[in-house]
Amino acid sequence: MLRDKLNEALKDAMRAKDMAAVSTVRLILAKLKDQDIEARSKGNQTGISDADILVMFGGMIKQRNESIAAFTQGGRQELAAKEQAEIEVIRRFMPQQLDAAGVEEAVRQGIAATGATSVKQMGPLMAWLKANYAGQMDFSQVAGTVKKALGG
């Protein structure tokens, strides 16, 4: 379970005196706690699932990539490097990303599973992909592959 891995990683980073990893894992755990509190308000007493945690990781990485672009444009390379280091720590907890061939195969499996035949049926296919491949692909880029596969 990802929660256990995060807690163990925090302990390991503290033992190794890896302060960059300690601060990043603490940020992750704080964000996770916020997400759990929000889930409780919606009736989910057990907190968010591992799939939701992977989606959270994707959002954290996207946010840091945007910060890197802003810092680089502003000439603040040291801050951009800090953000990049945080991305590397977050990626340690994510499954390996699928390559282009893997994404195409996943889309083919999704089409077979959902019966999608046109771009109009892209919604259920994307939902299936997110449910089965959370954290393994960048869904903003997958949309192009899906449209191509559906003839859009």
Protein backbone atom coordinates (compact mmCIF):
# COMPACT_ATOMS: atom_id res chain seq x y z
CA MET A 1 0.00 0.00 0.00
CA LEU A 2 1.31 3.43 -0.92
CA ARG A 3 0.66 4.91 2.53
CA ASP A 4 3.00 2.37 4.10
CA LYS A 5 5.65 3.01 1.46
CA LEU A 6 5.44 6.75 2.11
CA ASN A 7 5.82 6.35 5.87
CA GLU A 8 8.77 3.97 5.44
CA ALA A 9 10.38 6.33 2.94
CA LEU A 10 10.09 9.19 5.43
CA LYS A 11 11.83 7.13 8.12
CA ASP A 12 14.54 6.02 5.68
CA ALA A 13 15.15 9.57 4.48
CA MET A 14 15.39 10.79 8.06
CA ARG A 15 17.91 8.07 8.91
CA ALA A 16 19.94 8.91 5.80
CA LYS A 17 19.69 12.64 6.60
CA ASP A 18 18.38 13.24 3.05
CA MET A 19 16.63 16.51 3.81
CA ALA A 20 15.32 17.00 0.28
CA ALA A 21 13.55 13.63 0.44
CA VAL A 22 12.32 14.28 4.00
CA SER A 23 10.72 17.59 3.05
CA THR A 24 9.17 16.22 -0.15
CA VAL A 25 7.72 13.13 1.55
CA ARG A 26 6.32 15.35 4.29
CA LEU A 27 4.68 17.50 1.59
CA ILE A 28 3.19 14.36 0.05
CA LEU A 29 1.88 13.14 3.42
CA ALA A 30 0.36 16.56 4.18
CA LYS A 31 -1.39 16.61 0.80
CA LEU A 32 -2.58 13.03 1.40
CA LYS A 33 -4.00 14.01 4.79
CA ASP A 34 -5.86 16.92 3.17
CA GLN A 35 -7.28 14.56 0.54
CA ASP A 36 -8.35 12.08 3.25
CA ILE A 37 -10.13 14.83 5.19
CA GLU A 38 -11.93 15.91 2.03
CA ALA A 39 -12.89 12.28 1.32
CA ARG A 40 -14.32 11.92 4.85
CA SER A 41 -16.59 14.90 4.26
CA LYS A 42 -17.97 12.98 1.28
CA GLY A 43 -18.65 9.87 3.38
CA ASN A 44 -15.45 7.91 2.69
CA GLN A 45 -14.16 7.09 6.18
CA THR A 46 -11.15 5.04 5.05
CA GLY A 47 -9.44 7.81 3.06
CA ILE A 48 -8.53 7.89 -0.60
CA SER A 49 -7.49 4.80 -2.54
CA ASP A 50 -4.06 4.05 -3.99
CA ALA A 51 -5.39 4.95 -7.45
CA ASP A 52 -6.47 8.35 -6.12
CA ILE A 53 -3.05 8.77 -4.52
CA LEU A 54 -1.44 8.14 -7.91
CA VAL A 55 -3.70 10.78 -9.46
CA MET A 56 -2.64 13.14 -6.65
CA PHE A 57 1.02 12.43 -7.49
CA GLY A 58 0.32 13.31 -11.12
CA GLY A 59 -1.18 16.62 -10.06
CA MET A 60 1.79 17.37 -7.82
CA ILE A 61 4.20 16.68 -10.67
CA LYS A 62 2.19 18.84 -13.07
CA GLN A 63 2.21 21.69 -10.55
CA ARG A 64 5.98 21.41 -10.13
CA ASN A 65 6.56 21.34 -13.89
CA GLU A 66 4.60 24.58 -14.18
CA SER A 67 6.73 26.09 -11.40
CA ILE A 68 9.91 24.96 -13.14
CA ALA A 69 8.82 26.74 -16.32
CA ALA A 70 8.07 29.93 -14.38
CA PHE A 71 11.32 29.80 -12.40
CA THR A 72 13.37 29.11 -15.52
CA GLN A 73 11.72 32.01 -17.34
CA GLY A 74 12.43 34.24 -14.33
CA GLY A 75 16.09 33.18 -14.17
CA ARG A 76 15.73 31.36 -10.84
CA GLN A 77 17.57 28.15 -11.70
CA GLU A 78 18.13 27.18 -8.03
CA LEU A 79 14.37 27.13 -7.41
CA ALA A 80 13.77 25.21 -10.66
CA ALA A 81 16.37 22.64 -9.52
CA LYS A 82 14.59 22.29 -6.16
CA GLU A 83 11.28 21.64 -7.91
CA GLN A 84 12.94 19.07 -10.20
CA ALA A 85 14.38 17.29 -7.16
CA GLU A 86 10.88 17.12 -5.65
CA ILE A 87 9.56 15.59 -8.88
CA GLU A 88 12.23 12.88 -8.70
CA VAL A 89 11.21 12.02 -5.12
CA ILE A 90 7.51 11.87 -6.05
CA ARG A 91 8.26 9.60 -9.04
CA ARG A 92 9.89 7.05 -6.70
CA PHE A 93 6.40 6.13 -5.50
CA MET A 94 4.77 5.92 -8.92
CA PRO A 95 4.64 2.88 -11.17
CA GLN A 96 6.87 2.96 -14.22
CA GLN A 97 5.45 5.11 -17.01
CA LEU A 98 4.29 3.31 -20.15
CA ASP A 99 6.19 4.02 -23.34
CA ALA A 100 4.38 4.92 -26.57
CA ALA A 101 3.86 1.28 -27.54
CA GLY A 102 2.53 0.50 -24.06
CA VAL A 103 0.09 3.40 -24.26
CA GLU A 104 -1.15 2.25 -27.67
CA GLU A 105 -1.66 -1.30 -26.32
CA ALA A 106 -3.54 0.05 -23.29
CA VAL A 107 -5.78 2.12 -25.60
CA ARG A 108 -6.48 -1.00 -27.72
CA GLN A 109 -7.41 -2.93 -24.57
CA GLY A 110 -9.63 -0.05 -23.45
CA ILE A 111 -11.41 0.06 -26.80
CA ALA A 112 -12.05 -3.68 -26.60
CA ALA A 113 -13.28 -3.42 -22.99
CA THR A 114 -15.57 -0.41 -23.51
CA GLY A 115 -16.68 -1.06 -27.08
CA ALA A 116 -15.84 2.53 -28.08
CA THR A 117 -16.08 3.05 -31.84
CA SER A 118 -15.93 6.83 -32.26
CA VAL A 119 -14.53 9.96 -30.62
CA LYS A 120 -18.01 10.59 -29.18
CA GLN A 121 -17.42 7.55 -26.93
CA MET A 122 -14.05 8.81 -25.73
CA GLY A 123 -15.31 9.63 -22.20
CA PRO A 124 -15.95 6.06 -21.04
CA LEU A 125 -12.70 4.91 -22.65
CA MET A 126 -10.68 7.59 -20.81
CA ALA A 127 -12.44 6.65 -17.57
CA TRP A 128 -11.49 3.01 -18.13
CA LEU A 129 -7.87 3.97 -18.81
CA LYS A 130 -7.72 6.12 -15.66
CA ALA A 131 -9.17 3.30 -13.58
CA ASN A 132 -6.75 0.70 -14.95
CA TYR A 133 -3.59 2.71 -15.65
CA ALA A 134 -3.58 5.46 -12.99
CA GLY A 135 -0.13 6.93 -12.61
CA GLN A 136 1.28 5.00 -15.55
CA MET A 137 0.61 7.52 -18.31
CA ASP A 138 0.12 11.24 -18.87
CA PHE A 139 -3.56 11.46 -19.72
CA SER A 140 -3.23 14.86 -21.40
CA GLN A 141 -0.99 13.20 -23.99
CA VAL A 142 -3.01 9.97 -24.15
CA ALA A 143 -6.02 11.86 -25.51
CA GLY A 144 -4.25 12.26 -28.86
CA THR A 145 -3.54 8.54 -29.06
CA VAL A 146 -7.17 7.76 -28.20
CA LYS A 147 -8.49 10.14 -30.87
CA LYS A 148 -6.17 8.61 -33.46
CA ALA A 149 -7.24 5.07 -32.52
CA LEU A 150 -10.92 6.02 -32.74
CA GLY A 151 -10.46 7.70 -36.10
CA GLY A 152 -10.86 11.25 -34.81
